[in-house]
Amino acid sequence: MNWIYNPWPWYISGPLIALVLFLLLMIGKKFGMSSNLRTICTLCGAGKTADFFRFDWKAQRWNLIVVLGVIIGGYIGSNFLSSNSRVSIHPEVISDLQSKGFESAGEAYMPERFFSDTVLTDPKSLFLLVLGGILVGFGARYAGGCTSGHAISGLSNLQIPSLIAVIGFFIGGLLMIHLIFPLIF
């Protein structure tokens, strides 16, 4: 039963992801999480105010089930299939993050500084989360999809725009972590 509590190795999970994408390609579907936001907004009536949300959302029902599966799977994995919530990162990274105010570095996957109720009372953290959410939303819309859609589905379909977007995601991530993040914290 030890296999339940350890991450699957790349040589098992990678081919499984490839198999799913192959099956989606064969039935003419494209995988991506950010497209579900458009579907959910359409379900909530956004099509009454913006043309972007006027489309046949029923054709995307299968993708909403993927979102539901991700939520349920994440809950099951976190609460029932994880024996240890410690994060395996280098001790120097842990001490660097702790010096920047991330006391739970190395202890949990999600920093308490951002993922606790106190974020709602700390103006700086709240501002950064709102700004980050806006930038991620704008970026996903501007790039025509999110990181999972481009990096997993778009690249497997050999789409040049997805390659350009993934290169941009990596450059943006490197700039953020090496230049901007140290200025903020």
N, C-alpha and C. Protein backbone atom coordinates (compact mmCIF):
# COMPACT_ATOMS: atom_id res chain seq x y z
N MET A 1 0.82 -1.21 0.00
CA MET A 1 0.00 0.00 0.00
C MET A 1 0.86 1.27 0.00
N ASN A 2 2.18 1.14 0.07
CA ASN A 2 3.04 2.30 0.09
C ASN A 2 2.92 3.11 -1.20
N TRP A 3 2.57 2.47 -2.33
CA TRP A 3 2.44 3.18 -3.60
C TRP A 3 1.34 4.22 -3.56
N ILE A 4 0.37 4.06 -2.66
CA ILE A 4 -0.72 5.02 -2.56
C ILE A 4 -0.21 6.36 -2.06
N TYR A 5 0.77 6.33 -1.16
CA TYR A 5 1.21 7.55 -0.51
C TYR A 5 2.38 8.24 -1.21
N ASN A 6 2.91 7.65 -2.24
CA ASN A 6 4.02 8.26 -2.97
C ASN A 6 3.55 8.73 -4.33
N PRO A 7 4.15 9.82 -4.83
CA PRO A 7 3.79 10.27 -6.18
C PRO A 7 4.15 9.20 -7.21
N TRP A 8 3.35 9.12 -8.25
CA TRP A 8 3.65 8.18 -9.31
C TRP A 8 4.86 8.69 -10.08
N PRO A 9 5.74 7.81 -10.50
CA PRO A 9 6.91 8.24 -11.27
C PRO A 9 6.50 8.74 -12.65
N TRP A 10 7.36 9.54 -13.24
CA TRP A 10 7.06 10.15 -14.53
C TRP A 10 6.77 9.11 -15.60
N TYR A 11 7.42 7.96 -15.53
CA TYR A 11 7.25 6.96 -16.58
C TYR A 11 5.90 6.25 -16.49
N ILE A 12 5.13 6.50 -15.45
CA ILE A 12 3.75 6.00 -15.38
C ILE A 12 2.77 7.13 -15.65
N SER A 13 2.94 8.25 -14.94
CA SER A 13 1.98 9.35 -15.09
C SER A 13 2.10 10.03 -16.45
N GLY A 14 3.31 10.17 -16.99
CA GLY A 14 3.49 10.80 -18.31
C GLY A 14 2.75 10.06 -19.41
N PRO A 15 2.96 8.74 -19.55
CA PRO A 15 2.21 8.01 -20.57
C PRO A 15 0.70 8.03 -20.35
N LEU A 16 0.25 8.07 -19.10
CA LEU A 16 -1.19 8.16 -18.85
C LEU A 16 -1.75 9.48 -19.35
N ILE A 17 -1.01 10.57 -19.11
CA ILE A 17 -1.44 11.87 -19.62
C ILE A 17 -1.45 11.84 -21.15
N ALA A 18 -0.41 11.26 -21.75
CA ALA A 18 -0.36 11.16 -23.21
C ALA A 18 -1.53 10.34 -23.76
N LEU A 19 -1.89 9.27 -23.06
CA LEU A 19 -3.02 8.44 -23.49
C LEU A 19 -4.32 9.24 -23.47
N VAL A 20 -4.54 9.99 -22.39
CA VAL A 20 -5.75 10.82 -22.29
C VAL A 20 -5.78 11.84 -23.42
N LEU A 21 -4.67 12.50 -23.68
CA LEU A 21 -4.63 13.50 -24.75
C LEU A 21 -4.82 12.86 -26.12
N PHE A 22 -4.27 11.68 -26.32
CA PHE A 22 -4.49 10.97 -27.58
C PHE A 22 -5.97 10.66 -27.77
N LEU A 23 -6.62 10.18 -26.71
CA LEU A 23 -8.05 9.87 -26.80
C LEU A 23 -8.87 11.13 -27.08
N LEU A 24 -8.52 12.25 -26.43
CA LEU A 24 -9.22 13.51 -26.69
C LEU A 24 -9.02 13.95 -28.14
N LEU A 25 -7.80 13.81 -28.63
CA LEU A 25 -7.51 14.17 -30.02
C LEU A 25 -8.33 13.31 -30.99
N MET A 26 -8.45 12.05 -30.68
CA MET A 26 -9.19 11.13 -31.55
C MET A 26 -10.68 11.45 -31.60
N ILE A 27 -11.23 12.00 -30.53
CA ILE A 27 -12.66 12.34 -30.55
C ILE A 27 -12.90 13.83 -30.82
N GLY A 28 -11.80 14.55 -31.14
CA GLY A 28 -11.93 15.94 -31.56
C GLY A 28 -12.13 16.94 -30.42
N LYS A 29 -11.63 16.63 -29.24
CA LYS A 29 -11.76 17.54 -28.09
C LYS A 29 -10.40 18.12 -27.74
N LYS A 30 -10.41 19.32 -27.14
CA LYS A 30 -9.19 19.97 -26.67
C LYS A 30 -9.31 20.18 -25.18
N PHE A 31 -8.23 19.84 -24.47
CA PHE A 31 -8.22 19.97 -23.02
C PHE A 31 -7.68 21.34 -22.61
N GLY A 32 -8.30 21.93 -21.61
CA GLY A 32 -7.82 23.18 -21.04
C GLY A 32 -8.73 23.59 -19.90
N MET A 33 -8.14 24.07 -18.83
CA MET A 33 -8.94 24.43 -17.66
C MET A 33 -9.53 25.83 -17.76
N SER A 34 -8.82 26.79 -18.34
CA SER A 34 -9.33 28.16 -18.36
C SER A 34 -10.58 28.31 -19.23
N SER A 35 -10.77 27.44 -20.20
CA SER A 35 -11.98 27.52 -21.02
C SER A 35 -13.23 27.22 -20.20
N ASN A 36 -13.06 26.54 -19.09
CA ASN A 36 -14.20 26.25 -18.23
C ASN A 36 -14.75 27.50 -17.55
N LEU A 37 -13.89 28.48 -17.32
CA LEU A 37 -14.38 29.73 -16.74
C LEU A 37 -15.37 30.39 -17.68
N ARG A 38 -15.09 30.36 -18.97
CA ARG A 38 -16.03 30.92 -19.95
C ARG A 38 -17.35 30.16 -19.91
N THR A 39 -17.27 28.84 -19.82
CA THR A 39 -18.49 28.02 -19.77
C THR A 39 -19.29 28.32 -18.52
N ILE A 40 -18.62 28.42 -17.38
CA ILE A 40 -19.32 28.70 -16.12
C ILE A 40 -19.95 30.09 -16.15
N CYS A 41 -19.23 31.07 -16.69
CA CYS A 41 -19.80 32.42 -16.80
C CYS A 41 -21.03 32.42 -17.71
N THR A 42 -20.97 31.64 -18.79
CA THR A 42 -22.11 31.53 -19.70
C THR A 42 -23.30 30.91 -18.97
N LEU A 43 -23.04 29.86 -18.19
CA LEU A 43 -24.10 29.22 -17.41
C LEU A 43 -24.75 30.20 -16.43
N CYS A 44 -23.96 31.14 -15.93
CA CYS A 44 -24.47 32.11 -14.96
C CYS A 44 -25.14 33.32 -15.62
N GLY A 45 -25.22 33.33 -16.95
CA GLY A 45 -25.95 34.39 -17.64
C GLY A 45 -25.10 35.50 -18.22
N ALA A 46 -23.79 35.34 -18.30
CA ALA A 46 -22.92 36.40 -18.81
C ALA A 46 -23.17 36.68 -20.28
N GLY A 47 -23.78 35.73 -20.99
CA GLY A 47 -24.08 35.94 -22.41
C GLY A 47 -25.07 37.05 -22.66
N LYS A 48 -25.79 37.47 -21.61
CA LYS A 48 -26.76 38.57 -21.76
C LYS A 48 -26.06 39.91 -21.90
N THR A 49 -24.80 40.00 -21.44
CA THR A 49 -24.11 41.28 -21.46
C THR A 49 -22.89 41.33 -22.37
N ALA A 50 -22.35 40.17 -22.78
CA ALA A 50 -21.15 40.17 -23.62
C ALA A 50 -21.24 39.07 -24.67
N ASP A 51 -20.91 39.43 -25.89
CA ASP A 51 -20.95 38.47 -27.00
C ASP A 51 -19.99 37.30 -26.80
N PHE A 52 -18.88 37.54 -26.11
CA PHE A 52 -17.88 36.49 -25.89
C PHE A 52 -18.48 35.27 -25.21
N PHE A 53 -19.50 35.50 -24.38
CA PHE A 53 -20.10 34.41 -23.62
C PHE A 53 -21.33 33.80 -24.31
N ARG A 54 -21.59 34.22 -25.53
CA ARG A 54 -22.70 33.64 -26.30
C ARG A 54 -22.17 32.53 -27.19
N PHE A 55 -22.25 31.30 -26.70
CA PHE A 55 -21.81 30.14 -27.46
C PHE A 55 -22.54 28.92 -26.93
N ASP A 56 -22.38 27.82 -27.61
CA ASP A 56 -23.05 26.57 -27.20
C ASP A 56 -22.27 25.92 -26.07
N TRP A 57 -22.61 26.27 -24.84
CA TRP A 57 -21.88 25.75 -23.67
C TRP A 57 -22.10 24.25 -23.49
N LYS A 58 -23.18 23.73 -24.03
CA LYS A 58 -23.47 22.30 -23.86
C LYS A 58 -22.40 21.43 -24.54
N ALA A 59 -21.73 21.99 -25.53
CA ALA A 59 -20.65 21.24 -26.19
C ALA A 59 -19.44 21.11 -25.27
N GLN A 60 -19.40 21.90 -24.20
CA GLN A 60 -18.27 21.87 -23.25
C GLN A 60 -18.61 21.17 -21.93
N ARG A 61 -19.77 20.51 -21.87
CA ARG A 61 -20.16 19.83 -20.62
C ARG A 61 -19.12 18.82 -20.16
N TRP A 62 -18.51 18.10 -21.08
CA TRP A 62 -17.52 17.10 -20.73
C TRP A 62 -16.35 17.73 -19.98
N ASN A 63 -15.97 18.95 -20.37
CA ASN A 63 -14.84 19.62 -19.74
C ASN A 63 -15.19 20.07 -18.31
N LEU A 64 -16.46 20.36 -18.06
CA LEU A 64 -16.88 20.70 -16.70
C LEU A 64 -16.75 19.48 -15.78
N ILE A 65 -16.95 18.31 -16.33
CA ILE A 65 -16.77 17.08 -15.55
C ILE A 65 -15.30 16.91 -15.19
N VAL A 66 -14.41 17.33 -16.08
CA VAL A 66 -12.97 17.29 -15.78
C VAL A 66 -12.68 18.19 -14.57
N VAL A 67 -13.26 19.39 -14.54
CA VAL A 67 -13.06 20.29 -13.41
C VAL A 67 -13.58 19.66 -12.13
N LEU A 68 -14.76 19.09 -12.18
CA LEU A 68 -15.32 18.42 -11.01
C LEU A 68 -14.40 17.28 -10.56
N GLY A 69 -13.86 16.53 -11.51
CA GLY A 69 -12.93 15.45 -11.18
C GLY A 69 -11.66 15.96 -10.54
N VAL A 70 -11.15 17.10 -11.02
CA VAL A 70 -9.94 17.69 -10.43
C VAL A 70 -10.21 18.10 -8.98
N ILE A 71 -11.36 18.70 -8.74
CA ILE A 71 -11.70 19.12 -7.38
C ILE A 71 -11.86 17.92 -6.46
N ILE A 72 -12.63 16.94 -6.91
CA ILE A 72 -12.85 15.74 -6.08
C ILE A 72 -11.54 14.97 -5.90
N GLY A 73 -10.79 14.80 -6.99
CA GLY A 73 -9.51 14.08 -6.90
C GLY A 73 -8.52 14.79 -6.00
N GLY A 74 -8.47 16.11 -6.07
CA GLY A 74 -7.58 16.87 -5.19
C GLY A 74 -7.96 16.71 -3.73
N TYR A 75 -9.25 16.71 -3.45
CA TYR A 75 -9.71 16.52 -2.08
C TYR A 75 -9.37 15.12 -1.57
N ILE A 76 -9.66 14.13 -2.38
CA ILE A 76 -9.35 12.74 -1.98
C ILE A 76 -7.86 12.56 -1.80
N GLY A 77 -7.07 13.06 -2.75
CA GLY A 77 -5.62 12.92 -2.67
C GLY A 77 -5.04 13.62 -1.45
N SER A 78 -5.55 14.80 -1.16
CA SER A 78 -5.03 15.57 -0.03
C SER A 78 -5.44 14.99 1.31
N ASN A 79 -6.67 14.53 1.41
CA ASN A 79 -7.19 14.11 2.71
C ASN A 79 -7.09 12.61 2.98
N PHE A 80 -7.03 11.79 1.95
CA PHE A 80 -7.06 10.35 2.17
C PHE A 80 -5.86 9.59 1.62
N LEU A 81 -5.15 10.16 0.66
CA LEU A 81 -4.04 9.43 0.04
C LEU A 81 -2.67 10.04 0.34
N SER A 82 -2.62 11.02 1.21
CA SER A 82 -1.35 11.65 1.55
C SER A 82 -0.99 11.33 2.99
N SER A 83 0.17 10.73 3.16
CA SER A 83 0.59 10.41 4.52
C SER A 83 1.45 11.51 5.12
N ASN A 84 2.01 12.37 4.29
CA ASN A 84 2.93 13.38 4.78
C ASN A 84 2.74 14.65 3.95
N SER A 85 2.52 15.76 4.60
CA SER A 85 2.31 17.00 3.86
C SER A 85 3.59 17.83 3.75
N ARG A 86 4.71 17.32 4.27
CA ARG A 86 5.97 18.03 4.16
C ARG A 86 6.40 18.12 2.69
N VAL A 87 7.01 19.23 2.36
CA VAL A 87 7.46 19.47 1.01
C VAL A 87 8.97 19.23 0.96
N SER A 88 9.42 18.46 0.01
CA SER A 88 10.85 18.18 -0.13
C SER A 88 11.51 19.29 -0.94
N ILE A 89 12.01 20.30 -0.25
CA ILE A 89 12.76 21.36 -0.92
C ILE A 89 14.07 21.56 -0.16
N HIS A 90 15.02 22.16 -0.81
CA HIS A 90 16.36 22.34 -0.26
C HIS A 90 16.30 23.20 1.01
N PRO A 91 17.09 22.84 2.02
CA PRO A 91 17.08 23.60 3.28
C PRO A 91 17.40 25.09 3.12
N GLU A 92 18.25 25.44 2.14
CA GLU A 92 18.56 26.86 1.92
C GLU A 92 17.33 27.60 1.41
N VAL A 93 16.53 26.94 0.57
CA VAL A 93 15.29 27.56 0.07
C VAL A 93 14.32 27.76 1.23
N ILE A 94 14.23 26.77 2.10
CA ILE A 94 13.34 26.88 3.27
C ILE A 94 13.75 28.06 4.13
N SER A 95 15.05 28.18 4.44
CA SER A 95 15.48 29.30 5.30
C SER A 95 15.30 30.64 4.60
N ASP A 96 15.50 30.69 3.28
CA ASP A 96 15.28 31.93 2.54
C ASP A 96 13.81 32.33 2.59
N LEU A 97 12.91 31.37 2.36
CA LEU A 97 11.48 31.67 2.41
C LEU A 97 11.05 32.07 3.82
N GLN A 98 11.58 31.39 4.83
CA GLN A 98 11.23 31.73 6.21
C GLN A 98 11.72 33.13 6.56
N SER A 99 12.87 33.54 6.03
CA SER A 99 13.36 34.90 6.28
C SER A 99 12.48 35.95 5.63
N LYS A 100 11.71 35.54 4.60
CA LYS A 100 10.80 36.46 3.91
C LYS A 100 9.39 36.40 4.48
N GLY A 101 9.21 35.66 5.58
CA GLY A 101 7.91 35.64 6.24
C GLY A 101 7.07 34.41 5.98
N PHE A 102 7.59 33.44 5.25
CA PHE A 102 6.85 32.21 4.97
C PHE A 102 7.24 31.17 6.02
N GLU A 103 6.63 31.28 7.21
CA GLU A 103 7.00 30.41 8.33
C GLU A 103 6.75 28.93 8.05
N SER A 104 5.76 28.61 7.24
CA SER A 104 5.41 27.22 6.97
C SER A 104 6.19 26.62 5.80
N ALA A 105 7.24 27.31 5.33
CA ALA A 105 8.02 26.80 4.21
C ALA A 105 8.61 25.44 4.56
N GLY A 106 8.42 24.49 3.67
CA GLY A 106 8.91 23.14 3.89
C GLY A 106 7.95 22.26 4.68
N GLU A 107 6.93 22.85 5.25
CA GLU A 107 5.96 22.11 6.07
C GLU A 107 4.67 21.82 5.33
N ALA A 108 4.33 22.66 4.36
CA ALA A 108 3.05 22.51 3.66
C ALA A 108 3.21 22.98 2.22
N TYR A 109 2.36 22.48 1.34
CA TYR A 109 2.42 22.85 -0.07
C TYR A 109 1.95 24.28 -0.32
N MET A 110 0.99 24.74 0.45
CA MET A 110 0.46 26.08 0.26
C MET A 110 0.85 26.95 1.45
N PRO A 111 1.60 28.03 1.20
CA PRO A 111 2.04 28.88 2.30
C PRO A 111 0.85 29.47 3.06
N GLU A 112 0.90 29.35 4.38
CA GLU A 112 -0.17 29.90 5.21
C GLU A 112 -0.30 31.40 5.02
N ARG A 113 0.79 32.05 4.65
CA ARG A 113 0.76 33.50 4.46
C ARG A 113 -0.24 33.90 3.38
N PHE A 114 -0.44 33.04 2.38
CA PHE A 114 -1.38 33.32 1.30
C PHE A 114 -2.66 32.52 1.38
N PHE A 115 -2.63 31.36 2.03
CA PHE A 115 -3.77 30.47 2.02
C PHE A 115 -4.37 30.26 3.41
N SER A 116 -4.58 31.34 4.10
CA SER A 116 -5.25 31.28 5.40
C SER A 116 -6.22 32.45 5.48
N ASP A 117 -7.02 32.47 6.52
CA ASP A 117 -8.00 33.55 6.68
C ASP A 117 -7.34 34.90 6.93
N THR A 118 -6.10 34.89 7.41
CA THR A 118 -5.43 36.15 7.71
C THR A 118 -5.13 36.98 6.46
N VAL A 119 -5.13 36.34 5.29
CA VAL A 119 -4.87 37.07 4.06
C VAL A 119 -5.93 38.15 3.84
N LEU A 120 -7.13 37.93 4.35
CA LEU A 120 -8.21 38.90 4.17
C LEU A 120 -8.03 40.14 5.04
N THR A 121 -7.18 40.06 6.04
CA THR A 121 -6.95 41.21 6.92
C THR A 121 -5.62 41.89 6.66
N ASP A 122 -4.75 41.28 5.85
CA ASP A 122 -3.46 41.87 5.52
C ASP A 122 -3.56 42.55 4.16
N PRO A 123 -3.57 43.88 4.11
CA PRO A 123 -3.77 44.59 2.84
C PRO A 123 -2.74 44.23 1.77
N LYS A 124 -1.47 44.07 2.15
CA LYS A 124 -0.43 43.76 1.16
C LYS A 124 -0.70 42.39 0.52
N SER A 125 -0.96 41.38 1.34
CA SER A 125 -1.21 40.03 0.80
C SER A 125 -2.47 40.01 -0.04
N LEU A 126 -3.51 40.69 0.42
CA LEU A 126 -4.76 40.74 -0.34
C LEU A 126 -4.55 41.43 -1.68
N PHE A 127 -3.82 42.53 -1.68
CA PHE A 127 -3.53 43.25 -2.92
C PHE A 127 -2.76 42.37 -3.89
N LEU A 128 -1.74 41.67 -3.38
CA LEU A 128 -0.93 40.80 -4.25
C LEU A 128 -1.75 39.66 -4.83
N LEU A 129 -2.65 39.08 -4.03
CA LEU A 129 -3.50 38.00 -4.55
C LEU A 129 -4.46 38.50 -5.62
N VAL A 130 -5.07 39.66 -5.38
CA VAL A 130 -6.00 40.21 -6.37
C VAL A 130 -5.25 40.59 -7.65
N LEU A 131 -4.11 41.25 -7.50
CA LEU A 131 -3.31 41.62 -8.67
C LEU A 131 -2.85 40.39 -9.42
N GLY A 132 -2.37 39.38 -8.70
CA GLY A 132 -1.95 38.13 -9.34
C GLY A 132 -3.09 37.46 -10.08
N GLY A 133 -4.26 37.43 -9.48
CA GLY A 133 -5.43 36.84 -10.13
C GLY A 133 -5.80 37.57 -11.41
N ILE A 134 -5.75 38.89 -11.36
CA ILE A 134 -6.06 39.69 -12.56
C ILE A 134 -5.04 39.42 -13.65
N LEU A 135 -3.76 39.40 -13.28
CA LEU A 135 -2.71 39.16 -14.28
C LEU A 135 -2.79 37.76 -14.88
N VAL A 136 -3.06 36.76 -14.04
CA VAL A 136 -3.20 35.40 -14.55
C VAL A 136 -4.42 35.30 -15.47
N GLY A 137 -5.53 35.89 -15.07
CA GLY A 137 -6.73 35.87 -15.91
C GLY A 137 -6.50 36.58 -17.23
N PHE A 138 -5.88 37.76 -17.18
CA PHE A 138 -5.58 38.50 -18.40
C PHE A 138 -4.63 37.70 -19.28
N GLY A 139 -3.59 37.13 -18.67
CA GLY A 139 -2.60 36.37 -19.44
C GLY A 139 -3.21 35.16 -20.10
N ALA A 140 -4.06 34.43 -19.37
CA ALA A 140 -4.70 33.25 -19.94
C ALA A 140 -5.61 33.64 -21.10
N ARG A 141 -6.32 34.73 -20.96
CA ARG A 141 -7.21 35.17 -22.03
C ARG A 141 -6.41 35.68 -23.23
N TYR A 142 -5.37 36.45 -22.96
CA TYR A 142 -4.53 37.02 -24.03
C TYR A 142 -3.80 35.92 -24.79
N ALA A 143 -3.35 34.89 -24.07
CA ALA A 143 -2.62 33.78 -24.69
C ALA A 143 -3.55 32.76 -25.32
N GLY A 144 -4.84 32.92 -25.13
CA GLY A 144 -5.79 31.98 -25.72
C GLY A 144 -5.86 30.66 -24.96
N GLY A 145 -5.48 30.68 -23.70
CA GLY A 145 -5.54 29.48 -22.89
C GLY A 145 -4.58 29.54 -21.72
N CYS A 146 -4.72 28.60 -20.82
CA CYS A 146 -3.89 28.57 -19.61
C CYS A 146 -2.68 27.67 -19.82
N THR A 147 -1.86 27.57 -18.80
CA THR A 147 -0.64 26.78 -18.90
C THR A 147 -0.94 25.32 -19.18
N SER A 148 -1.95 24.76 -18.55
CA SER A 148 -2.26 23.35 -18.80
C SER A 148 -2.76 23.14 -20.22
N GLY A 149 -3.57 24.05 -20.70
CA GLY A 149 -4.09 23.91 -22.05
C GLY A 149 -3.00 23.99 -23.10
N HIS A 150 -2.11 24.97 -22.95
CA HIS A 150 -1.04 25.13 -23.94
C HIS A 150 0.06 24.08 -23.77
N ALA A 151 0.53 23.91 -22.53
CA ALA A 151 1.69 23.03 -22.31
C ALA A 151 1.35 21.56 -22.49
N ILE A 152 0.17 21.16 -22.12
CA ILE A 152 -0.18 19.74 -22.23
C ILE A 152 -0.91 19.47 -23.54
N SER A 153 -1.99 20.16 -23.76
CA SER A 153 -2.81 19.87 -24.93
C SER A 153 -2.26 20.52 -26.20
N GLY A 154 -1.93 21.79 -26.13
CA GLY A 154 -1.46 22.50 -27.32
C GLY A 154 -0.17 21.95 -27.88
N LEU A 155 0.79 21.66 -27.00
CA LEU A 155 2.06 21.10 -27.47
C LEU A 155 1.89 19.70 -28.03
N SER A 156 1.00 18.91 -27.40
CA SER A 156 0.79 17.56 -27.93
C SER A 156 0.09 17.59 -29.29
N ASN A 157 -0.61 18.69 -29.59
CA ASN A 157 -1.23 18.86 -30.91
C ASN A 157 -0.31 19.59 -31.89
N LEU A 158 0.94 19.84 -31.44
CA LEU A 158 1.97 20.49 -32.26
C LEU A 158 1.55 21.88 -32.74
N GLN A 159 0.92 22.65 -31.86
CA GLN A 159 0.47 23.99 -32.21
C GLN A 159 1.57 25.01 -31.90
N ILE A 160 2.00 25.74 -32.91
CA ILE A 160 3.05 26.74 -32.76
C ILE A 160 2.65 27.83 -31.75
N PRO A 161 1.39 28.33 -31.75
CA PRO A 161 1.02 29.33 -30.74
C PRO A 161 1.18 28.81 -29.31
N SER A 162 0.94 27.52 -29.11
CA SER A 162 1.13 26.94 -27.78
C SER A 162 2.59 26.90 -27.40
N LEU A 163 3.46 26.60 -28.35
CA LEU A 163 4.90 26.61 -28.08
C LEU A 163 5.35 28.01 -27.68
N ILE A 164 4.89 29.01 -28.41
CA ILE A 164 5.24 30.40 -28.09
C ILE A 164 4.70 30.78 -26.71
N ALA A 165 3.47 30.37 -26.41
CA ALA A 165 2.89 30.68 -25.10
C ALA A 165 3.66 29.99 -23.98
N VAL A 166 4.05 28.74 -24.16
CA VAL A 166 4.79 28.01 -23.12
C VAL A 166 6.15 28.65 -22.89
N ILE A 167 6.82 29.05 -23.95
CA ILE A 167 8.10 29.76 -23.80
C ILE A 167 7.88 31.04 -23.00
N GLY A 168 6.80 31.76 -23.32
CA GLY A 168 6.46 32.97 -22.58
C GLY A 168 6.16 32.69 -21.11
N PHE A 169 5.45 31.58 -20.82
CA PHE A 169 5.16 31.22 -19.43
C PHE A 169 6.45 30.99 -18.66
N PHE A 170 7.40 30.28 -19.28
CA PHE A 170 8.66 29.99 -18.59
C PHE A 170 9.47 31.26 -18.38
N ILE A 171 9.55 32.11 -19.39
CA ILE A 171 10.29 33.37 -19.25
C ILE A 171 9.64 34.22 -18.16
N GLY A 172 8.31 34.33 -18.18
CA GLY A 172 7.60 35.10 -17.16
C GLY A 172 7.83 34.54 -15.76
N GLY A 173 7.80 33.21 -15.63
CA GLY A 173 8.04 32.59 -14.33
C GLY A 173 9.44 32.85 -13.83
N LEU A 174 10.43 32.75 -14.71
CA LEU A 174 11.81 33.01 -14.32
C LEU A 174 12.02 34.47 -13.92
N LEU A 175 11.44 35.39 -14.69
CA LEU A 175 11.53 36.81 -14.34
C LEU A 175 10.87 37.08 -13.00
N MET A 176 9.72 36.47 -12.78
CA MET A 176 9.00 36.68 -11.52
C MET A 176 9.82 36.21 -10.33
N ILE A 177 10.29 34.98 -10.38
CA ILE A 177 10.94 34.41 -9.20
C ILE A 177 12.32 35.01 -8.95
N HIS A 178 13.02 35.44 -10.00
CA HIS A 178 14.38 35.95 -9.81
C HIS A 178 14.46 37.47 -9.71
N LEU A 179 13.51 38.19 -10.28
CA LEU A 179 13.58 39.65 -10.26
C LEU A 179 12.48 40.31 -9.44
N ILE A 180 11.25 39.93 -9.67
CA ILE A 180 10.12 40.62 -9.03
C ILE A 180 9.86 40.12 -7.61
N PHE A 181 9.85 38.81 -7.40
CA PHE A 181 9.57 38.22 -6.08
C PHE A 181 10.51 38.78 -5.01
N PRO A 182 11.84 38.85 -5.26
CA PRO A 182 12.71 39.42 -4.22
C PRO A 182 12.40 40.87 -3.89
N LEU A 183 11.87 41.63 -4.85
CA LEU A 183 11.52 43.03 -4.57
C LEU A 183 10.27 43.14 -3.70
N ILE A 184 9.35 42.19 -3.86
CA ILE A 184 8.09 42.21 -3.10
C ILE A 184 8.32 41.75 -1.66
N PHE A 185 9.14 40.72 -1.51
CA PHE A 185 9.36 40.17 -0.18
C PHE A 185 10.77 40.43 0.23
